[in-house]
C-alpha atoms as a PDB file:
ATOM      1  CA  MET A   1     185.214 167.193  93.729  1.00  0.00           C
ATOM      2  CA  THR A   2     186.296 164.668  91.562  1.00  0.00           C
ATOM      3  CA  PRO A   3     185.416 161.034  92.989  1.00  0.00           C
ATOM      4  CA  VAL A   4     187.758 158.577  94.309  1.00  0.00           C
ATOM      5  CA  LEU A   5     187.098 155.397  92.191  1.00  0.00           C
ATOM      6  CA  SER A   6     188.947 152.473  91.870  1.00  0.00           C
ATOM      7  CA  ALA A   7     190.846 150.718  89.078  1.00  0.00           C
ATOM      8  CA  GLU A   8     187.549 148.468  88.272  1.00  0.00           C
ATOM      9  CA  GLU A   9     185.796 151.156  88.036  1.00  0.00           C
ATOM     10  CA  ILE A  10     187.720 153.641  85.996  1.00  0.00           C
ATOM     11  CA  ARG A  11     187.788 150.931  83.428  1.00  0.00           C
ATOM     12  CA  ASP A  12     184.028 150.794  83.454  1.00  0.00           C
ATOM     13  CA  VAL A  13     184.009 154.592  83.374  1.00  0.00           C
ATOM     14  CA  ASN A  14     186.126 154.830  80.599  1.00  0.00           C
ATOM     15  CA  THR A  15     183.931 151.736  78.682  1.00  0.00           C
ATOM     16  CA  ARG A  16     180.897 153.750  79.521  1.00  0.00           C
ATOM     17  CA  TYR A  17     182.298 157.350  78.232  1.00  0.00           C
ATOM     18  CA  HIS A  18     183.819 156.151  75.272  1.00  0.00           C
ATOM     19  CA  ASP A  19     181.055 153.774  74.036  1.00  0.00           C
ATOM     20  CA  VAL A  20     178.435 156.847  74.097  1.00  0.00           C
ATOM     21  CA  ALA A  21     181.469 158.841  72.434  1.00  0.00           C
ATOM     22  CA  ALA A  22     182.699 156.509  69.589  1.00  0.00           C
ATOM     23  CA  GLU A  23     179.296 158.074  67.447  1.00  0.00           C
ATOM     24  CA  HIS A  24     180.842 161.307  67.392  1.00  0.00           C
ATOM     25  CA  TYR A  25     184.172 161.579  68.171  1.00  0.00           C
ATOM     26  CA  ASP A  26     185.282 162.176  65.062  1.00  0.00           C
ATOM     27  CA  SER A  27     183.845 165.274  64.068  1.00  0.00           C
ATOM     28  CA  LYS A  28     184.385 166.246  67.941  1.00  0.00           C
ATOM     29  CA  TRP A  29     188.135 166.394  67.723  1.00  0.00           C
ATOM     30  CA  GLY A  30     188.871 167.306  64.548  1.00  0.00           C
ATOM     31  CA  ILE A  31     190.064 163.634  63.642  1.00  0.00           C
ATOM     32  CA  ASP A  32     190.911 163.425  60.145  1.00  0.00           C
ATOM     33  CA  PHE A  33     191.714 160.899  57.233  1.00  0.00           C
ATOM     34  CA  GLY A  34     192.734 162.784  54.808  1.00  0.00           C
ATOM     35  CA  GLU A  35     195.671 164.475  53.321  1.00  0.00           C
ATOM     36  CA  LEU A  36     196.332 166.284  56.207  1.00  0.00           C
ATOM     37  CA  GLY A  37     195.437 163.937  59.216  1.00  0.00           C
ATOM     38  CA  CYS A  38     197.643 161.507  57.512  1.00  0.00           C
ATOM     39  CA  ALA A  39     200.870 163.941  57.134  1.00  0.00           C
ATOM     40  CA  GLN A  40     199.793 165.374  61.182  1.00  0.00           C
ATOM     41  CA  VAL A  41     200.310 161.302  62.141  1.00  0.00           C
ATOM     42  CA  VAL A  42     203.730 161.277  59.617  1.00  0.00           C
ATOM     43  CA  GLN A  43     204.827 164.076  61.498  1.00  0.00           C
ATOM     44  CA  LYS A  44     204.012 162.587  65.060  1.00  0.00           C
ATOM     45  CA  VAL A  45     206.198 159.468  64.398  1.00  0.00           C
ATOM     46  CA  GLU A  46     208.525 160.904  62.917  1.00  0.00           C
ATOM     47  CA  LYS A  47     209.126 163.191  65.854  1.00  0.00           C
ATOM     48  CA  ALA A  48     208.571 160.664  68.600  1.00  0.00           C
ATOM     49  CA  LEU A  49     211.469 158.508  66.428  1.00  0.00           C
ATOM     50  CA  GLY A  50     213.576 161.734  65.982  1.00  0.00           C
ATOM     51  CA  GLY A  51     213.735 160.731  62.480  1.00  0.00           C
ATOM     52  CA  GLU A  52     211.917 158.819  59.264  1.00  0.00           C
ATOM     53  CA  PRO A  53     210.002 155.724  60.393  1.00  0.00           C
ATOM     54  CA  ARG A  54     210.775 152.805  58.871  1.00  0.00           C
ATOM     55  CA  ARG A  55     207.666 150.288  57.794  1.00  0.00           C
ATOM     56  CA  PHE A  56     206.402 147.962  60.132  1.00  0.00           C
ATOM     57  CA  LYS A  57     204.821 144.592  59.541  1.00  0.00           C
ATOM     58  CA  SER A  58     202.907 143.822  62.549  1.00  0.00           C
ATOM     59  CA  THR A  59     201.737 146.815  64.508  1.00  0.00           C
ATOM     60  CA  LEU A  60     199.385 146.738  67.933  1.00  0.00           C
ATOM     61  CA  GLU A  61     197.248 149.786  68.659  1.00  0.00           C
ATOM     62  CA  ILE A  62     196.512 150.388  72.353  1.00  0.00           C
ATOM     63  CA  GLY A  63     192.602 152.564  72.943  1.00  0.00           C
ATOM     64  CA  SER A  64     192.938 152.771  69.267  1.00  0.00           C
ATOM     65  CA  GLY A  65     189.352 154.600  69.557  1.00  0.00           C
ATOM     66  CA  THR A  66     188.431 155.261  65.838  1.00  0.00           C
ATOM     67  CA  GLY A  67     191.467 154.510  64.275  1.00  0.00           C
ATOM     68  CA  TYR A  68     193.698 157.934  63.793  1.00  0.00           C
ATOM     69  CA  PHE A  69     196.665 156.739  64.377  1.00  0.00           C
ATOM     70  CA  THR A  70     196.902 153.209  62.721  1.00  0.00           C
ATOM     71  CA  LEU A  71     194.563 154.229  60.119  1.00  0.00           C
ATOM     72  CA  ASN A  72     196.580 157.215  59.058  1.00  0.00           C
ATOM     73  CA  MET A  73     199.767 155.573  59.415  1.00  0.00           C
ATOM     74  CA  MET A  74     197.929 152.890  56.977  1.00  0.00           C
ATOM     75  CA  ARG A  75     197.349 155.378  54.565  1.00  0.00           C
ATOM     76  CA  ALA A  76     200.929 156.587  54.544  1.00  0.00           C
ATOM     77  CA  GLY A  77     202.587 153.297  53.967  1.00  0.00           C
ATOM     78  CA  LEU A  78     204.141 152.992  57.521  1.00  0.00           C
ATOM     79  CA  ILE A  79     202.177 149.192  58.625  1.00  0.00           C
ATOM     80  CA  GLU A  80     201.972 146.354  56.913  1.00  0.00           C
ATOM     81  CA  HIS A  81     199.564 144.609  59.432  1.00  0.00           C
ATOM     82  CA  ALA A  82     197.782 146.088  61.998  1.00  0.00           C
ATOM     83  CA  THR A  83     195.628 144.935  65.303  1.00  0.00           C
ATOM     84  CA  CYS A  84     193.807 147.783  66.869  1.00  0.00           C
ATOM     85  CA  SER A  85     192.657 147.095  70.322  1.00  0.00           C
ATOM     86  CA  ASP A  86     190.093 148.744  72.777  1.00  0.00           C
ATOM     87  CA  ILE A  87     188.355 148.668  75.855  1.00  0.00           C
ATOM     88  CA  SER A  88     185.118 150.183  73.888  1.00  0.00           C
ATOM     89  CA  PRO A  89     183.398 147.737  71.904  1.00  0.00           C
ATOM     90  CA  GLY A  90     181.812 151.088  70.442  1.00  0.00           C
ATOM     91  CA  MET A  91     184.733 152.571  69.558  1.00  0.00           C
ATOM     92  CA  LEU A  92     185.631 149.529  67.868  1.00  0.00           C
ATOM     93  CA  GLU A  93     182.662 149.781  65.666  1.00  0.00           C
ATOM     94  CA  THR A  94     183.654 153.202  64.887  1.00  0.00           C
ATOM     95  CA  LEU A  95     186.907 151.896  63.774  1.00  0.00           C
ATOM     96  CA  SER A  96     185.964 149.064  61.518  1.00  0.00           C
ATOM     97  CA  ALA A  97     183.466 151.257  59.929  1.00  0.00           C
ATOM     98  CA  ASN A  98     186.304 154.134  59.483  1.00  0.00           C
ATOM     99  CA  ALA A  99     188.477 151.088  58.043  1.00  0.00           C
ATOM    100  CA  GLU A 100     186.181 149.922  55.620  1.00  0.00           C
ATOM    101  CA  ARG A 101     185.420 153.521  53.944  1.00  0.00           C
ATOM    102  CA  LEU A 102     189.259 153.328  53.765  1.00  0.00           C
ATOM    103  CA  GLU A 103     189.438 150.285  51.920  1.00  0.00           C
ATOM    104  CA  LEU A 104     192.321 148.944  54.705  1.00  0.00           C
ATOM    105  CA  ASN A 105     192.564 145.709  55.874  1.00  0.00           C
ATOM    106  CA  VAL A 106     192.489 145.959  60.122  1.00  0.00           C
ATOM    107  CA  GLN A 107     191.830 143.267  62.875  1.00  0.00           C
ATOM    108  CA  THR A 108     190.132 144.662  65.875  1.00  0.00           C
ATOM    109  CA  ARG A 109     190.090 142.838  69.319  1.00  0.00           C
ATOM    110  CA  LEU A 110     188.529 143.893  72.938  1.00  0.00           C
ATOM    111  CA  ALA A 111     191.566 144.534  75.014  1.00  0.00           C
ATOM    112  CA  ASP A 112     192.427 145.802  78.521  1.00  0.00           C
ATOM    113  CA  ALA A 113     196.114 147.402  78.285  1.00  0.00           C
ATOM    114  CA  GLU A 114     196.904 145.466  81.236  1.00  0.00           C
ATOM    115  CA  ARG A 115     196.069 141.641  80.437  1.00  0.00           C
ATOM    116  CA  LEU A 116     196.552 141.877  76.739  1.00  0.00           C
ATOM    117  CA  PRO A 117     195.441 138.773  75.267  1.00  0.00           C
ATOM    118  CA  PHE A 118     198.036 137.732  72.483  1.00  0.00           C
ATOM    119  CA  ASP A 119     201.208 135.937  72.846  1.00  0.00           C
ATOM    120  CA  ASP A 120     204.701 136.985  73.387  1.00  0.00           C
ATOM    121  CA  GLY A 121     206.548 138.725  70.773  1.00  0.00           C
ATOM    122  CA  SER A 122     203.656 138.772  68.558  1.00  0.00           C
ATOM    123  CA  PHE A 123     204.195 142.556  67.246  1.00  0.00           C
ATOM    124  CA  ASP A 124     207.402 144.990  65.714  1.00  0.00           C
ATOM    125  CA  LEU A 125     205.696 148.252  66.915  1.00  0.00           C
ATOM    126  CA  VAL A 126     203.336 149.009  70.065  1.00  0.00           C
ATOM    127  CA  LEU A 127     201.854 152.128  70.017  1.00  0.00           C
ATOM    128  CA  GLY A 128     198.858 154.287  70.937  1.00  0.00           C
ATOM    129  CA  HIS A 129     197.761 158.256  70.940  1.00  0.00           C
ATOM    130  CA  ALA A 130     196.162 159.798  73.789  1.00  0.00           C
ATOM    131  CA  VAL A 131     195.329 156.180  75.706  1.00  0.00           C
ATOM    132  CA  LEU A 132     197.979 155.925  78.792  1.00  0.00           C
ATOM    133  CA  HIS A 133     195.724 159.102  80.712  1.00  0.00           C
ATOM    134  CA  HIS A 134     193.402 156.560  80.662  1.00  0.00           C
ATOM    135  CA  ILE A 135     195.169 153.152  82.388  1.00  0.00           C
ATOM    136  CA  PRO A 136     194.551 152.640  85.862  1.00  0.00           C
ATOM    137  CA  ASP A 137     197.891 150.730  86.119  1.00  0.00           C
ATOM    138  CA  LEU A 138     200.861 152.115  83.757  1.00  0.00           C
ATOM    139  CA  ALA A 139     202.907 149.875  85.499  1.00  0.00           C
ATOM    140  CA  GLN A 140     201.527 146.890  84.588  1.00  0.00           C
ATOM    141  CA  ALA A 141     200.713 147.992  81.356  1.00  0.00           C
ATOM    142  CA  PHE A 142     203.819 148.736  80.400  1.00  0.00           C
ATOM    143  CA  ALA A 143     205.195 145.172  81.616  1.00  0.00           C
ATOM    144  CA  GLU A 144     202.699 143.923  78.849  1.00  0.00           C
ATOM    145  CA  PHE A 145     203.139 146.513  75.679  1.00  0.00           C
ATOM    146  CA  GLU A 146     207.026 144.815  76.195  1.00  0.00           C
ATOM    147  CA  ARG A 147     205.443 140.698  76.564  1.00  0.00           C
ATOM    148  CA  VAL A 148     204.035 141.084  73.349  1.00  0.00           C
ATOM    149  CA  LEU A 149     206.778 143.435  71.745  1.00  0.00           C
ATOM    150  CA  ALA A 150     209.359 141.018  69.247  1.00  0.00           C
ATOM    151  CA  PRO A 151     212.655 141.519  70.098  1.00  0.00           C
ATOM    152  CA  GLY A 152     214.184 145.127  68.900  1.00  0.00           C
ATOM    153  CA  GLY A 153     210.770 146.342  68.626  1.00  0.00           C
ATOM    154  CA  THR A 154     209.560 149.830  68.979  1.00  0.00           C
ATOM    155  CA  VAL A 155     207.172 151.488  71.784  1.00  0.00           C
ATOM    156  CA  LEU A 156     205.978 154.887  70.976  1.00  0.00           C
ATOM    157  CA  PHE A 157     202.643 156.483  72.391  1.00  0.00           C
ATOM    158  CA  ALA A 158     201.860 160.069  71.956  1.00  0.00           C
ATOM    159  CA  GLY A 159     199.472 162.803  72.911  1.00  0.00           C
ATOM    160  CA  GLU A 160     199.378 162.207  76.299  1.00  0.00           C
ATOM    161  CA  PRO A 161     199.232 165.518  79.039  1.00  0.00           C
ATOM    162  CA  SER A 162     201.526 166.482  80.746  1.00  0.00           C
ATOM    163  CA  ARG A 163     201.044 167.602  84.278  1.00  0.00           C
ATOM    164  CA  TYR A 164     202.725 170.939  84.081  1.00  0.00           C
ATOM    165  CA  GLY A 165     201.123 171.825  80.302  1.00  0.00           C
ATOM    166  CA  ASP A 166     197.804 170.809  81.685  1.00  0.00           C
ATOM    167  CA  ARG A 167     197.620 173.290  84.245  1.00  0.00           C
ATOM    168  CA  LEU A 168     199.319 176.240  81.842  1.00  0.00           C
ATOM    169  CA  ALA A 169     196.319 174.773  79.659  1.00  0.00           C
ATOM    170  CA  ARG A 170     193.813 175.881  82.102  1.00  0.00           C
ATOM    171  CA  VAL A 171     194.119 179.547  82.150  1.00  0.00           C
ATOM    172  CA  PRO A 172     192.452 179.482  78.105  1.00  0.00           C
ATOM    173  CA  LYS A 173     189.928 177.906  79.289  1.00  0.00           C
ATOM    174  CA  ARG A 174     189.445 180.249  81.989  1.00  0.00           C
ATOM    175  CA  ALA A 175     189.669 183.311  80.326  1.00  0.00           C
ATOM    176  CA  ALA A 176     187.486 181.526  76.814  1.00  0.00           C
ATOM    177  CA  GLY A 177     184.538 180.737  79.947  1.00  0.00           C
ATOM    178  CA  ALA A 178     184.761 184.153  81.127  1.00  0.00           C
ATOM    179  CA  VAL A 179     184.025 186.074  77.702  1.00  0.00           C
ATOM    180  CA  ALA A 180     182.239 183.557  76.218  1.00  0.00           C
ATOM    181  CA  PRO A 181     178.981 185.436  76.500  1.00  0.00           C
ATOM    182  CA  VAL A 182     180.808 188.416  74.327  1.00  0.00           C
ATOM    183  CA  TRP A 183     181.844 185.979  72.133  1.00  0.00           C
ATOM    184  CA  ARG A 184     178.522 184.484  71.536  1.00  0.00           C
ATOM    185  CA  ARG A 185     176.648 187.907  71.269  1.00  0.00           C
ATOM    186  CA  ALA A 186     179.439 188.750  68.689  1.00  0.00           C
ATOM    187  CA  ILE A 187     178.592 185.704  66.093  1.00  0.00           C
ATOM    188  CA  GLY A 188     175.198 186.134  66.295  1.00  0.00           C
ATOM    189  CA  ALA A 189     175.239 182.392  68.804  1.00  0.00           C
ATOM    190  CA  ARG A 190     172.610 181.192  71.370  1.00  0.00           C
ATOM    191  CA  ALA A 191     174.002 179.916  74.122  1.00  0.00           C
ATOM    192  CA  ALA A 192     174.248 175.985  74.306  1.00  0.00           C
ATOM    193  CA  GLY A 193     171.205 174.290  75.893  1.00  0.00           C
ATOM    194  CA  PRO A 194     171.086 170.628  77.219  1.00  0.00           C
ATOM    195  CA  ALA A 195     171.330 168.221  74.381  1.00  0.00           C
ATOM    196  CA  GLU A 196     167.941 166.439  74.048  1.00  0.00           C
ATOM    197  CA  GLY A 197     167.495 163.388  76.576  1.00  0.00           C
ATOM    198  CA  GLY A 198     170.746 164.825  78.414  1.00  0.00           C
ATOM    199  CA  ALA A 199     174.529 164.074  77.159  1.00  0.00           C
ATOM    200  CA  PRO A 200     175.263 160.854  78.537  1.00  0.00           C
ATOM    201  CA  GLU A 201     178.699 161.290  77.863  1.00  0.00           C
ATOM    202  CA  ALA A 202     178.780 164.971  80.029  1.00  0.00           C
ATOM    203  CA  SER A 203     178.295 163.074  83.812  1.00  0.00           C
ATOM    204  CA  LEU A 204     181.926 160.715  83.125  1.00  0.00           C
ATOM    205  CA  GLU A 205     183.851 163.446  81.011  1.00  0.00           C
ATOM    206  CA  SER A 206     185.673 164.351  84.425  1.00  0.00           C
ATOM    207  CA  VAL A 207     186.687 161.161  85.976  1.00  0.00           C
ATOM    208  CA  VAL A 208     188.174 159.604  82.557  1.00  0.00           C
ATOM    209  CA  ASP A 209     191.121 160.878  82.548  1.00  0.00           C
ATOM    210  CA  VAL A 210     193.235 159.913  85.527  1.00  0.00           C
ATOM    211  CA  HIS A 211     196.877 160.765  84.974  1.00  0.00           C
ATOM    212  CA  ALA A 212     198.522 163.619  83.916  1.00  0.00           C
ATOM    213  CA  PHE A 213     202.511 163.133  83.572  1.00  0.00           C
ATOM    214  CA  ALA A 214     205.965 164.627  84.389  1.00  0.00           C
ATOM    215  CA  PRO A 215     208.291 163.261  81.298  1.00  0.00           C
ATOM    216  CA  GLY A 216     210.573 161.597  83.996  1.00  0.00           C
ATOM    217  CA  GLU A 217     207.687 159.581  85.139  1.00  0.00           C
ATOM    218  CA  LEU A 218     206.325 158.339  81.647  1.00  0.00           C
ATOM    219  CA  ALA A 219     210.115 157.514  81.470  1.00  0.00           C
ATOM    220  CA  LYS A 220     210.071 156.112  84.475  1.00  0.00           C
ATOM    221  CA  PHE A 221     207.204 152.999  83.246  1.00  0.00           C
ATOM    222  CA  ALA A 222     209.166 152.265  80.379  1.00  0.00           C
ATOM    223  CA  ARG A 223     212.280 151.642  81.933  1.00  0.00           C
ATOM    224  CA  GLY A 224     210.703 149.871  84.542  1.00  0.00           C
ATOM    225  CA  ALA A 225     209.188 147.230  81.619  1.00  0.00           C
ATOM    226  CA  GLY A 226     212.673 146.568  80.534  1.00  0.00           C
ATOM    227  CA  LEU A 227     212.535 148.352  78.128  1.00  0.00           C
ATOM    228  CA  GLU A 228     215.927 150.253  76.208  1.00  0.00           C
ATOM    229  CA  ARG A 229     216.686 153.806  74.529  1.00  0.00           C
ATOM    230  CA  VAL A 230     213.645 155.658  76.117  1.00  0.00           C
ATOM    231  CA  ARG A 231     213.122 158.717  74.688  1.00  0.00           C
ATOM    232  CA  VAL A 232     210.289 161.157  76.066  1.00  0.00           C
ATOM    233  CA  THR A 233     209.484 164.883  73.967  1.00  0.00           C
ATOM    234  CA  GLY A 234     206.769 167.431  74.326  1.00  0.00           C
ATOM    235  CA  GLU A 235     205.083 169.064  71.452  1.00  0.00           C
ATOM    236  CA  GLU A 236     202.469 172.015  70.799  1.00  0.00           C
ATOM    237  CA  LEU A 237     202.400 174.920  73.260  1.00  0.00           C
ATOM    238  CA  LEU A 238     200.554 178.283  71.441  1.00  0.00           C
ATOM    239  CA  ALA A 239     198.441 175.610  69.232  1.00  0.00           C
ATOM    240  CA  ASN A 240     196.998 174.163  72.565  1.00  0.00           C
ATOM    241  CA  TRP A 241     196.091 177.554  74.659  1.00  0.00           C
ATOM    242  CA  PHE A 242     194.691 178.719  70.621  1.00  0.00           C
ATOM    243  CA  GLY A 243     192.816 175.449  70.394  1.00  0.00           C
ATOM    244  CA  TRP A 244     191.546 175.127  73.760  1.00  0.00           C
ATOM    245  CA  THR A 245     190.031 178.499  74.268  1.00  0.00           C
ATOM    246  CA  ASN A 246     187.830 178.015  70.554  1.00  0.00           C
ATOM    247  CA  ARG A 247     186.698 174.739  71.901  1.00  0.00           C
ATOM    248  CA  THR A 248     185.897 176.184  75.435  1.00  0.00           C
ATOM    249  CA  LEU A 249     184.205 179.306  73.285  1.00  0.00           C
ATOM    250  CA  GLU A 250     182.426 176.763  71.119  1.00  0.00           C
ATOM    251  CA  ALA A 251     181.359 174.171  74.157  1.00  0.00           C
ATOM    252  CA  THR A 252     179.710 177.075  74.911  1.00  0.00           C
ATOM    253  CA  ALA A 253     177.761 177.982  71.896  1.00  0.00           C
ATOM    254  CA  GLU A 254     174.564 175.695  69.967  1.00  0.00           C
ATOM    255  CA  GLN A 255     176.254 174.371  67.282  1.00  0.00           C
ATOM    256  CA  ALA A 256     174.425 175.168  64.273  1.00  0.00           C
ATOM    257  CA  ASP A 257     174.781 179.190  65.354  1.00  0.00           C
ATOM    258  CA  ILE A 258     178.708 178.792  64.621  1.00  0.00           C
ATOM    259  CA  PRO A 259     179.349 180.671  61.247  1.00  0.00           C
ATOM    260  CA  TRP A 260     181.493 178.738  59.112  1.00  0.00           C
ATOM    261  CA  ALA A 261     184.028 181.915  58.819  1.00  0.00           C
ATOM    262  CA  TRP A 262     185.184 180.888  62.962  1.00  0.00           C
ATOM    263  CA  ARG A 263     185.466 177.443  61.732  1.00  0.00           C
ATOM    264  CA  GLN A 264     187.523 178.277  59.324  1.00  0.00           C
ATOM    265  CA  TYR A 265     189.503 180.533  61.337  1.00  0.00           C
ATOM    266  CA  ALA A 266     189.919 178.417  64.309  1.00  0.00           C
ATOM    267  CA  TYR A 267     191.272 175.413  61.924  1.00  0.00           C
ATOM    268  CA  ARG A 268     193.261 177.554  60.236  1.00  0.00           C
ATOM    269  CA  GLY A 269     194.878 178.884  63.089  1.00  0.00           C
ATOM    270  CA  TYR A 270     195.645 176.027  65.020  1.00  0.00           C
ATOM    271  CA  LEU A 271     197.694 174.717  61.955  1.00  0.00           C
ATOM    272  CA  LEU A 272     199.433 177.588  61.452  1.00  0.00           C
ATOM    273  CA  LEU A 273     200.173 177.371  65.061  1.00  0.00           C
ATOM    274  CA  GLN A 274     201.045 173.543  65.234  1.00  0.00           C
ATOM    275  CA  ARG A 275     203.691 174.900  62.381  1.00  0.00           C
ATOM    276  CA  LEU A 276     205.449 177.183  64.913  1.00  0.00           C
ATOM    277  CA  ASP A 277     205.820 175.258  67.912  1.00  0.00           C
ATOM    278  CA  ARG A 278     207.187 172.278  65.450  1.00  0.00           C
ATOM    279  CA  SER A 279     209.341 174.609  63.937  1.00  0.00           C
ATOM    280  CA  LEU A 280     210.949 177.252  66.407  1.00  0.00           C
ATOM    281  CA  LEU A 281     209.754 175.738  69.773  1.00  0.00           C
ATOM    282  CA  GLU A 282     209.804 172.285  70.385  1.00  0.00           C
ATOM    283  CA  SER A 283     213.326 171.590  70.139  1.00  0.00           C
ATOM    284  CA  ARG A 284     214.153 174.409  71.927  1.00  0.00           C
ATOM    285  CA  LEU A 285     211.962 174.428  75.181  1.00  0.00           C
ATOM    286  CA  PRO A 286     211.901 171.318  78.176  1.00  0.00           C
ATOM    287  CA  SER A 287     209.342 169.128  76.872  1.00  0.00           C
ATOM    288  CA  ALA A 288     207.605 169.229  80.412  1.00  0.00           C
ATOM    289  CA  ILE A 289     206.292 172.978  79.381  1.00  0.00           C
ATOM    290  CA  PHE A 290     204.119 171.277  76.325  1.00  0.00           C
ATOM    291  CA  TYR A 291     200.603 170.164  76.793  1.00  0.00           C
ATOM    292  CA  ASN A 292     201.027 167.019  74.801  1.00  0.00           C
ATOM    293  CA  LEU A 293     204.207 164.385  75.870  1.00  0.00           C
ATOM    294  CA  MET A 294     205.568 161.375  73.603  1.00  0.00           C
ATOM    295  CA  ILE A 295     207.198 158.729  74.570  1.00  0.00           C
ATOM    296  CA  THR A 296     209.364 155.959  72.728  1.00  0.00           C
ATOM    297  CA  ALA A 297     211.380 152.940  73.959  1.00  0.00           C
ATOM    298  CA  SER A 298     212.566 149.685  71.990  1.00  0.00           C
ATOM    299  CA  LYS A 299     212.874 146.071  73.509  1.00  0.00           C
ATOM    300  CA  ARG A 300     216.226 143.965  73.992  1.00  0.00           C
ATOM    301  CA  PRO A 301     217.447 142.442  70.417  1.00  0.00           C
END
């Protein structure tokens, strides 16, 4: 049974988990800062906004992690001045290293989303990717997003798990877990052993995600903070099933034993199904059934 934690305990667990995960986070989740990663982020922003994005002068990312969203947006020329915040010092250290390697100038700030250390009206875009589901008090967080947003500014969050989509994702996870021994024999991989010294983040992973959303719930938080023109959309259905199947299988094997051919199949298959979701399903099916939700809203001018 998952323990019931207080808001402060949730913040503490998220800090410790992401500090430990920071060093290998990009490789674990396939985060890319090349042409592909840049194109994927731009597509997400375009889908969330419902059209081609403008260039934002000053942005604040909430829970920026290693920089996936902001750094790729900067590479695409969508951000002029970027500030990245996170509750995890380890994540900000990795983000700074990524920014230096990419020759991008980014300010970083250790910050809790519910108590942002910025002046009113400081940014014309407040954004985040896969972060809202970690925040204990979302009503307070959205009030802070609205406060630091300049009049006429935009809020944009993507990569948030939908409640129904999360339930659907359990199906491929269970199926993959059941066939994993057969899969390992087929590719000649040994079963994964315990990480050296244990896996410090493993014991925390089950408690860092505290929300899964219905589209209307996300919209309610934004409207409750006084934001307008609220839009919630969904992405990834087939790609999600495929991705979770493969990630579940791969987690059961020694990573050095997984063949390059399998990794290429998993990678290219995921990209193909992403395109299929985008071109065929995302505009036709209810947003609630997709694994990921994205929300945009605006502050009154």
